[in-house]
Amino acid sequence: ETAAHEMGHQLGLFHTTETGGTVFDILNDTAECLNS
């Protein structure tokens, strides 16, 4: 999973939800997990 994840970054994919749950990727169809 880690190798696949890092490969995703290398090819242009961001984290769907970042650490703090306040910033997200630029794609419209990925789920967001809000800190709030």
ModelCIF file with pLDDT and N, C-alpha, C, O atoms, coordinates in Angstrom:
data_MODEL
#
_entry.id   MODEL 
#
_entity.id                         1 
_entity.type                       polymer 
_entity.pdbx_number_of_molecules   1 
#
_entity_poly.entity_id                      1 
_entity_poly.type                           'polypeptide(L)' 
_entity_poly.nstd_linkage                   no 
_entity_poly.nstd_monomer                   no 
_entity_poly.pdbx_seq_one_letter_code       ETAAHEMGHQLGLFHTTETGGTVFDILNDTAECLNS 
_entity_poly.pdbx_seq_one_letter_code_can   ETAAHEMGHQLGLFHTTETGGTVFDILNDTAECLNS 
_entity_poly.pdbx_strand_id                 A 
#
loop_
_entity_poly_seq.entity_id 
_entity_poly_seq.num 
_entity_poly_seq.mon_id 
_entity_poly_seq.hetero 
1 1  GLU n 
1 2  THR n 
1 3  ALA n 
1 4  ALA n 
1 5  HIS n 
1 6  GLU n 
1 7  MET n 
1 8  GLY n 
1 9  HIS n 
1 10 GLN n 
1 11 LEU n 
1 12 GLY n 
1 13 LEU n 
1 14 PHE n 
1 15 HIS n 
1 16 THR n 
1 17 THR n 
1 18 GLU n 
1 19 THR n 
1 20 GLY n 
1 21 GLY n 
1 22 THR n 
1 23 VAL n 
1 24 PHE n 
1 25 ASP n 
1 26 ILE n 
1 27 LEU n 
1 28 ASN n 
1 29 ASP n 
1 30 THR n 
1 31 ALA n 
1 32 GLU n 
1 33 CYS n 
1 34 LEU n 
1 35 ASN n 
1 36 SER n 
#
_struct_asym.id          A 
_struct_asym.entity_id   1 
#
loop_
_ma_qa_metric.id 
_ma_qa_metric.mode 
_ma_qa_metric.name 
_ma_qa_metric.software_group_id 
_ma_qa_metric.type 
1 global pLDDT . pLDDT 
2 local  pLDDT . pLDDT 
#
_ma_qa_metric_global.metric_id      1 
_ma_qa_metric_global.metric_value   96.67 
_ma_qa_metric_global.model_id       1 
_ma_qa_metric_global.ordinal_id     1 
#
loop_
_ma_qa_metric_local.label_asym_id 
_ma_qa_metric_local.label_comp_id 
_ma_qa_metric_local.label_seq_id 
_ma_qa_metric_local.metric_id 
_ma_qa_metric_local.metric_value 
_ma_qa_metric_local.model_id 
_ma_qa_metric_local.ordinal_id 
A GLU 1  2 98.00 1 1  
A THR 2  2 98.00 1 2  
A ALA 3  2 98.00 1 3  
A ALA 4  2 98.00 1 4  
A HIS 5  2 98.00 1 5  
A GLU 6  2 98.00 1 6  
A MET 7  2 98.00 1 7  
A GLY 8  2 98.00 1 8  
A HIS 9  2 98.00 1 9  
A GLN 10 2 98.00 1 10 
A LEU 11 2 98.00 1 11 
A GLY 12 2 98.00 1 12 
A LEU 13 2 98.00 1 13 
A PHE 14 2 97.00 1 14 
A HIS 15 2 98.00 1 15 
A THR 16 2 98.00 1 16 
A THR 17 2 97.00 1 17 
A GLU 18 2 96.00 1 18 
A THR 19 2 93.00 1 19 
A GLY 20 2 96.00 1 20 
A GLY 21 2 96.00 1 21 
A THR 22 2 96.00 1 22 
A VAL 23 2 95.00 1 23 
A PHE 24 2 96.00 1 24 
A ASP 25 2 96.00 1 25 
A ILE 26 2 95.00 1 26 
A LEU 27 2 97.00 1 27 
A ASN 28 2 95.00 1 28 
A ASP 29 2 97.00 1 29 
A THR 30 2 98.00 1 30 
A ALA 31 2 97.00 1 31 
A GLU 32 2 97.00 1 32 
A CYS 33 2 97.00 1 33 
A LEU 34 2 96.00 1 34 
A ASN 35 2 93.00 1 35 
A SER 36 2 90.00 1 36 
#
loop_
_atom_site.group_PDB 
_atom_site.id 
_atom_site.type_symbol 
_atom_site.label_atom_id 
_atom_site.label_alt_id 
_atom_site.label_comp_id 
_atom_site.label_asym_id 
_atom_site.label_entity_id 
_atom_site.label_seq_id 
_atom_site.pdbx_PDB_ins_code 
_atom_site.Cartn_x 
_atom_site.Cartn_y 
_atom_site.Cartn_z 
_atom_site.occupancy 
_atom_site.B_iso_or_equiv 
_atom_site.pdbx_formal_charge 
_atom_site.auth_seq_id 
_atom_site.auth_comp_id 
_atom_site.auth_asym_id 
_atom_site.auth_atom_id 
_atom_site.pdbx_PDB_model_num 
ATOM 1   N N  . GLU A 1 1  ? 0.833   -1.207 0.000   1.00 98.00 ? 1  GLU A N  1 
ATOM 2   C CA . GLU A 1 1  ? 0.000   0.000  0.000   1.00 98.00 ? 1  GLU A CA 1 
ATOM 3   C C  . GLU A 1 1  ? 0.866   1.255  0.000   1.00 98.00 ? 1  GLU A C  1 
ATOM 4   O O  . GLU A 1 1  ? 0.557   2.220  -0.699  1.00 98.00 ? 1  GLU A O  1 
ATOM 5   N N  . THR A 1 2  ? 1.942   1.250  0.774   1.00 98.00 ? 2  THR A N  1 
ATOM 6   C CA . THR A 1 2  ? 2.819   2.421  0.818   1.00 98.00 ? 2  THR A CA 1 
ATOM 7   C C  . THR A 1 2  ? 3.465   2.662  -0.537  1.00 98.00 ? 2  THR A C  1 
ATOM 8   O O  . THR A 1 2  ? 3.499   3.796  -1.016  1.00 98.00 ? 2  THR A O  1 
ATOM 9   N N  . ALA A 1 3  ? 3.977   1.606  -1.157  1.00 98.00 ? 3  ALA A N  1 
ATOM 10  C CA . ALA A 1 3  ? 4.601   1.757  -2.475  1.00 98.00 ? 3  ALA A CA 1 
ATOM 11  C C  . ALA A 1 3  ? 3.598   2.288  -3.489  1.00 98.00 ? 3  ALA A C  1 
ATOM 12  O O  . ALA A 1 3  ? 3.934   3.147  -4.304  1.00 98.00 ? 3  ALA A O  1 
ATOM 13  N N  . ALA A 1 4  ? 2.371   1.782  -3.444  1.00 98.00 ? 4  ALA A N  1 
ATOM 14  C CA . ALA A 1 4  ? 1.327   2.256  -4.354  1.00 98.00 ? 4  ALA A CA 1 
ATOM 15  C C  . ALA A 1 4  ? 0.966   3.713  -4.071  1.00 98.00 ? 4  ALA A C  1 
ATOM 16  O O  . ALA A 1 4  ? 0.738   4.492  -4.997  1.00 98.00 ? 4  ALA A O  1 
ATOM 17  N N  . HIS A 1 5  ? 0.914   4.074  -2.797  1.00 98.00 ? 5  HIS A N  1 
ATOM 18  C CA . HIS A 1 5  ? 0.601   5.440  -2.364  1.00 98.00 ? 5  HIS A CA 1 
ATOM 19  C C  . HIS A 1 5  ? 1.666   6.424  -2.853  1.00 98.00 ? 5  HIS A C  1 
ATOM 20  O O  . HIS A 1 5  ? 1.343   7.461  -3.433  1.00 98.00 ? 5  HIS A O  1 
ATOM 21  N N  . GLU A 1 6  ? 2.936   6.089  -2.615  1.00 98.00 ? 6  GLU A N  1 
ATOM 22  C CA . GLU A 1 6  ? 4.009   6.996  -3.023  1.00 98.00 ? 6  GLU A CA 1 
ATOM 23  C C  . GLU A 1 6  ? 4.103   7.093  -4.540  1.00 98.00 ? 6  GLU A C  1 
ATOM 24  O O  . GLU A 1 6  ? 4.433   8.151  -5.076  1.00 98.00 ? 6  GLU A O  1 
ATOM 25  N N  . MET A 1 7  ? 3.819   6.012  -5.225  1.00 98.00 ? 7  MET A N  1 
ATOM 26  C CA . MET A 1 7  ? 3.757   6.055  -6.680  1.00 98.00 ? 7  MET A CA 1 
ATOM 27  C C  . MET A 1 7  ? 2.646   7.004  -7.128  1.00 98.00 ? 7  MET A C  1 
ATOM 28  O O  . MET A 1 7  ? 2.808   7.735  -8.105  1.00 98.00 ? 7  MET A O  1 
ATOM 29  N N  . GLY A 1 8  ? 1.519   6.992  -6.414  1.00 98.00 ? 8  GLY A N  1 
ATOM 30  C CA . GLY A 1 8  ? 0.440   7.928  -6.737  1.00 98.00 ? 8  GLY A CA 1 
ATOM 31  C C  . GLY A 1 8  ? 0.898   9.366  -6.645  1.00 98.00 ? 8  GLY A C  1 
ATOM 32  O O  . GLY A 1 8  ? 0.576   10.176 -7.515  1.00 98.00 ? 8  GLY A O  1 
ATOM 33  N N  . HIS A 1 9  ? 1.655   9.701  -5.592  1.00 98.00 ? 9  HIS A N  1 
ATOM 34  C CA . HIS A 1 9  ? 2.230   11.043 -5.485  1.00 98.00 ? 9  HIS A CA 1 
ATOM 35  C C  . HIS A 1 9  ? 3.138   11.345 -6.671  1.00 98.00 ? 9  HIS A C  1 
ATOM 36  O O  . HIS A 1 9  ? 3.036   12.405 -7.288  1.00 98.00 ? 9  HIS A O  1 
ATOM 37  N N  . GLN A 1 10 ? 4.022   10.412 -6.982  1.00 98.00 ? 10 GLN A N  1 
ATOM 38  C CA . GLN A 1 10 ? 4.997   10.616 -8.050  1.00 98.00 ? 10 GLN A CA 1 
ATOM 39  C C  . GLN A 1 10 ? 4.311   10.908 -9.383  1.00 98.00 ? 10 GLN A C  1 
ATOM 40  O O  . GLN A 1 10 ? 4.872   11.589 -10.242 1.00 98.00 ? 10 GLN A O  1 
ATOM 41  N N  . LEU A 1 11 ? 3.101   10.392 -9.549  1.00 98.00 ? 11 LEU A N  1 
ATOM 42  C CA . LEU A 1 11 ? 2.355   10.584 -10.791 1.00 98.00 ? 11 LEU A CA 1 
ATOM 43  C C  . LEU A 1 11 ? 1.333   11.717 -10.696 1.00 98.00 ? 11 LEU A C  1 
ATOM 44  O O  . LEU A 1 11 ? 0.599   11.964 -11.653 1.00 98.00 ? 11 LEU A O  1 
ATOM 45  N N  . GLY A 1 12 ? 1.276   12.409 -9.554  1.00 98.00 ? 12 GLY A N  1 
ATOM 46  C CA . GLY A 1 12 ? 0.474   13.628 -9.500  1.00 98.00 ? 12 GLY A CA 1 
ATOM 47  C C  . GLY A 1 12 ? -0.714  13.637 -8.571  1.00 98.00 ? 12 GLY A C  1 
ATOM 48  O O  . GLY A 1 12 ? -1.495  14.588 -8.604  1.00 98.00 ? 12 GLY A O  1 
ATOM 49  N N  . LEU A 1 13 ? -0.890  12.616 -7.736  1.00 98.00 ? 13 LEU A N  1 
ATOM 50  C CA . LEU A 1 13 ? -2.025  12.579 -6.822  1.00 98.00 ? 13 LEU A CA 1 
ATOM 51  C C  . LEU A 1 13 ? -1.644  13.138 -5.452  1.00 98.00 ? 13 LEU A C  1 
ATOM 52  O O  . LEU A 1 13 ? -0.599  12.796 -4.898  1.00 98.00 ? 13 LEU A O  1 
ATOM 53  N N  . PHE A 1 14 ? -2.503  14.000 -4.917  1.00 97.00 ? 14 PHE A N  1 
ATOM 54  C CA . PHE A 1 14 ? -2.325  14.543 -3.579  1.00 97.00 ? 14 PHE A CA 1 
ATOM 55  C C  . PHE A 1 14 ? -3.024  13.653 -2.546  1.00 97.00 ? 14 PHE A C  1 
ATOM 56  O O  . PHE A 1 14 ? -3.779  12.748 -2.903  1.00 97.00 ? 14 PHE A O  1 
ATOM 57  N N  . HIS A 1 15 ? -2.769  13.917 -1.284  1.00 98.00 ? 15 HIS A N  1 
ATOM 58  C CA . HIS A 1 15 ? -3.565  13.293 -0.229  1.00 98.00 ? 15 HIS A CA 1 
ATOM 59  C C  . HIS A 1 15 ? -5.010  13.754 -0.359  1.00 98.00 ? 15 HIS A C  1 
ATOM 60  O O  . HIS A 1 15 ? -5.277  14.934 -0.586  1.00 98.00 ? 15 HIS A O  1 
ATOM 61  N N  . THR A 1 16 ? -5.931  12.824 -0.216  1.00 98.00 ? 16 THR A N  1 
ATOM 62  C CA . THR A 1 16 ? -7.343  13.196 -0.309  1.00 98.00 ? 16 THR A CA 1 
ATOM 63  C C  . THR A 1 16 ? -7.741  14.125 0.834   1.00 98.00 ? 16 THR A C  1 
ATOM 64  O O  . THR A 1 16 ? -8.433  15.120 0.620   1.00 98.00 ? 16 THR A O  1 
ATOM 65  N N  . THR A 1 17 ? -7.305  13.801 2.038   1.00 97.00 ? 17 THR A N  1 
ATOM 66  C CA . THR A 1 17 ? -7.479  14.649 3.223   1.00 97.00 ? 17 THR A CA 1 
ATOM 67  C C  . THR A 1 17 ? -6.117  14.789 3.866   1.00 97.00 ? 17 THR A C  1 
ATOM 68  O O  . THR A 1 17 ? -5.405  13.802 4.051   1.00 97.00 ? 17 THR A O  1 
ATOM 69  N N  . GLU A 1 18 ? -5.751  16.020 4.209   1.00 96.00 ? 18 GLU A N  1 
ATOM 70  C CA . GLU A 1 18 ? -4.471  16.240 4.869   1.00 96.00 ? 18 GLU A CA 1 
ATOM 71  C C  . GLU A 1 18 ? -4.589  16.013 6.373   1.00 96.00 ? 18 GLU A C  1 
ATOM 72  O O  . GLU A 1 18 ? -5.683  15.825 6.904   1.00 96.00 ? 18 GLU A O  1 
ATOM 73  N N  . THR A 1 19 ? -3.454  16.033 7.041   1.00 93.00 ? 19 THR A N  1 
ATOM 74  C CA . THR A 1 19 ? -3.347  15.680 8.455   1.00 93.00 ? 19 THR A CA 1 
ATOM 75  C C  . THR A 1 19 ? -4.421  16.301 9.327   1.00 93.00 ? 19 THR A C  1 
ATOM 76  O O  . THR A 1 19 ? -5.081  15.607 10.100  1.00 93.00 ? 19 THR A O  1 
ATOM 77  N N  . GLY A 1 20 ? -4.595  17.608 9.205   1.00 96.00 ? 20 GLY A N  1 
ATOM 78  C CA . GLY A 1 20 ? -5.490  18.332 10.106  1.00 96.00 ? 20 GLY A CA 1 
ATOM 79  C C  . GLY A 1 20 ? -6.949  18.322 9.722   1.00 96.00 ? 20 GLY A C  1 
ATOM 80  O O  . GLY A 1 20 ? -7.778  18.842 10.469  1.00 96.00 ? 20 GLY A O  1 
ATOM 81  N N  . GLY A 1 21 ? -7.295  17.748 8.579   1.00 96.00 ? 21 GLY A N  1 
ATOM 82  C CA . GLY A 1 21 ? -8.690  17.688 8.167   1.00 96.00 ? 21 GLY A CA 1 
ATOM 83  C C  . GLY A 1 21 ? -9.271  19.025 7.752   1.00 96.00 ? 21 GLY A C  1 
ATOM 84  O O  . GLY A 1 21 ? -10.478 19.243 7.862   1.00 96.00 ? 21 GLY A O  1 
ATOM 85  N N  . THR A 1 22 ? -8.416  19.925 7.275   1.00 96.00 ? 22 THR A N  1 
ATOM 86  C CA . THR A 1 22 ? -8.891  21.229 6.813   1.00 96.00 ? 22 THR A CA 1 
ATOM 87  C C  . THR A 1 22 ? -8.512  21.516 5.368   1.00 96.00 ? 22 THR A C  1 
ATOM 88  O O  . THR A 1 22 ? -9.021  22.466 4.773   1.00 96.00 ? 22 THR A O  1 
ATOM 89  N N  . VAL A 1 23 ? -7.631  20.715 4.800   1.00 95.00 ? 23 VAL A N  1 
ATOM 90  C CA . VAL A 1 23 ? -7.251  20.883 3.399   1.00 95.00 ? 23 VAL A CA 1 
ATOM 91  C C  . VAL A 1 23 ? -7.368  19.546 2.684   1.00 95.00 ? 23 VAL A C  1 
ATOM 92  O O  . VAL A 1 23 ? -7.158  18.484 3.272   1.00 95.00 ? 23 VAL A O  1 
ATOM 93  N N  . PHE A 1 24 ? -7.714  19.624 1.386   1.00 96.00 ? 24 PHE A N  1 
ATOM 94  C CA . PHE A 1 24 ? -8.072  18.416 0.646   1.00 96.00 ? 24 PHE A CA 1 
ATOM 95  C C  . PHE A 1 24 ? -7.503  18.495 -0.757  1.00 96.00 ? 24 PHE A C  1 
ATOM 96  O O  . PHE A 1 24 ? -6.950  19.521 -1.152  1.00 96.00 ? 24 PHE A O  1 
ATOM 97  N N  . ASP A 1 25 ? -7.637  17.417 -1.509  1.00 96.00 ? 25 ASP A N  1 
ATOM 98  C CA . ASP A 1 25 ? -7.091  17.428 -2.859  1.00 96.00 ? 25 ASP A CA 1 
ATOM 99  C C  . ASP A 1 25 ? -7.970  18.248 -3.801  1.00 96.00 ? 25 ASP A C  1 
ATOM 100 O O  . ASP A 1 25 ? -9.000  18.784 -3.390  1.00 96.00 ? 25 ASP A O  1 
ATOM 101 N N  . ILE A 1 26 ? -7.560  18.341 -5.062  1.00 95.00 ? 26 ILE A N  1 
ATOM 102 C CA . ILE A 1 26 ? -8.268  19.196 -6.019  1.00 95.00 ? 26 ILE A CA 1 
ATOM 103 C C  . ILE A 1 26 ? -9.318  18.428 -6.824  1.00 95.00 ? 26 ILE A C  1 
ATOM 104 O O  . ILE A 1 26 ? -9.946  18.990 -7.722  1.00 95.00 ? 26 ILE A O  1 
ATOM 105 N N  . LEU A 1 27 ? -9.505  17.168 -6.510  1.00 97.00 ? 27 LEU A N  1 
ATOM 106 C CA . LEU A 1 27 ? -10.438 16.350 -7.274  1.00 97.00 ? 27 LEU A CA 1 
ATOM 107 C C  . LEU A 1 27 ? -11.831 16.421 -6.669  1.00 97.00 ? 27 LEU A C  1 
ATOM 108 O O  . LEU A 1 27 ? -11.988 16.445 -5.448  1.00 97.00 ? 27 LEU A O  1 
ATOM 109 N N  . ASN A 1 28 ? -12.835 16.456 -7.525  1.00 95.00 ? 28 ASN A N  1 
ATOM 110 C CA . ASN A 1 28 ? -14.201 16.674 -7.072  1.00 95.00 ? 28 ASN A CA 1 
ATOM 111 C C  . ASN A 1 28 ? -14.911 15.424 -6.577  1.00 95.00 ? 28 ASN A C  1 
ATOM 112 O O  . ASN A 1 28 ? -15.990 15.511 -5.991  1.00 95.00 ? 28 ASN A O  1 
ATOM 113 N N  . ASP A 1 29 ? -14.308 14.259 -6.811  1.00 97.00 ? 29 ASP A N  1 
ATOM 114 C CA . ASP A 1 29 ? -15.037 13.035 -6.467  1.00 97.00 ? 29 ASP A CA 1 
ATOM 115 C C  . ASP A 1 29 ? -14.386 12.228 -5.352  1.00 97.00 ? 29 ASP A C  1 
ATOM 116 O O  . ASP A 1 29 ? -14.746 11.069 -5.145  1.00 97.00 ? 29 ASP A O  1 
ATOM 117 N N  . THR A 1 30 ? -13.433 12.815 -4.628  1.00 98.00 ? 30 THR A N  1 
ATOM 118 C CA . THR A 1 30 ? -12.826 12.110 -3.501  1.00 98.00 ? 30 THR A CA 1 
ATOM 119 C C  . THR A 1 30 ? -13.428 12.605 -2.191  1.00 98.00 ? 30 THR A C  1 
ATOM 120 O O  . THR A 1 30 ? -13.728 13.789 -2.035  1.00 98.00 ? 30 THR A O  1 
ATOM 121 N N  . ALA A 1 31 ? -13.596 11.686 -1.262  1.00 97.00 ? 31 ALA A N  1 
ATOM 122 C CA . ALA A 1 31 ? -14.235 12.026 0.013   1.00 97.00 ? 31 ALA A CA 1 
ATOM 123 C C  . ALA A 1 31 ? -13.341 12.943 0.840   1.00 97.00 ? 31 ALA A C  1 
ATOM 124 O O  . ALA A 1 31 ? -12.115 12.832 0.814   1.00 97.00 ? 31 ALA A O  1 
ATOM 125 N N  . GLU A 1 32 ? -13.983 13.851 1.577   1.00 97.00 ? 32 GLU A N  1 
ATOM 126 C CA . GLU A 1 32 ? -13.273 14.749 2.486   1.00 97.00 ? 32 GLU A CA 1 
ATOM 127 C C  . GLU A 1 32 ? -13.642 14.393 3.922   1.00 97.00 ? 32 GLU A C  1 
ATOM 128 O O  . GLU A 1 32 ? -14.810 14.161 4.234   1.00 97.00 ? 32 GLU A O  1 
ATOM 129 N N  . CYS A 1 33 ? -12.646 14.353 4.782   1.00 97.00 ? 33 CYS A N  1 
ATOM 130 C CA . CYS A 1 33 ? -12.883 14.069 6.200   1.00 97.00 ? 33 CYS A CA 1 
ATOM 131 C C  . CYS A 1 33 ? -12.575 15.331 6.993   1.00 97.00 ? 33 CYS A C  1 
ATOM 132 O O  . CYS A 1 33 ? -11.411 15.655 7.227   1.00 97.00 ? 33 CYS A O  1 
ATOM 133 N N  . LEU A 1 34 ? -13.606 16.032 7.400   1.00 96.00 ? 34 LEU A N  1 
ATOM 134 C CA . LEU A 1 34 ? -13.466 17.347 8.008   1.00 96.00 ? 34 LEU A CA 1 
ATOM 135 C C  . LEU A 1 34 ? -13.150 17.272 9.496   1.00 96.00 ? 34 LEU A C  1 
ATOM 136 O O  . LEU A 1 34 ? -13.756 16.509 10.248  1.00 96.00 ? 34 LEU A O  1 
ATOM 137 N N  . ASN A 1 35 ? -12.192 18.080 9.888   1.00 93.00 ? 35 ASN A N  1 
ATOM 138 C CA . ASN A 1 35 ? -11.822 18.178 11.298  1.00 93.00 ? 35 ASN A CA 1 
ATOM 139 C C  . ASN A 1 35 ? -13.005 18.562 12.159  1.00 93.00 ? 35 ASN A C  1 
ATOM 140 O O  . ASN A 1 35 ? -13.133 18.093 13.290  1.00 93.00 ? 35 ASN A O  1 
ATOM 141 N N  . SER A 1 36 ? -13.870 19.414 11.633  1.00 90.00 ? 36 SER A N  1 
ATOM 142 C CA . SER A 1 36 ? -14.957 19.978 12.427  1.00 90.00 ? 36 SER A CA 1 
ATOM 143 C C  . SER A 1 36 ? -15.942 18.940 12.941  1.00 90.00 ? 36 SER A C  1 
ATOM 144 O O  . SER A 1 36 ? -16.905 19.288 13.624  1.00 90.00 ? 36 SER A O  1 
#
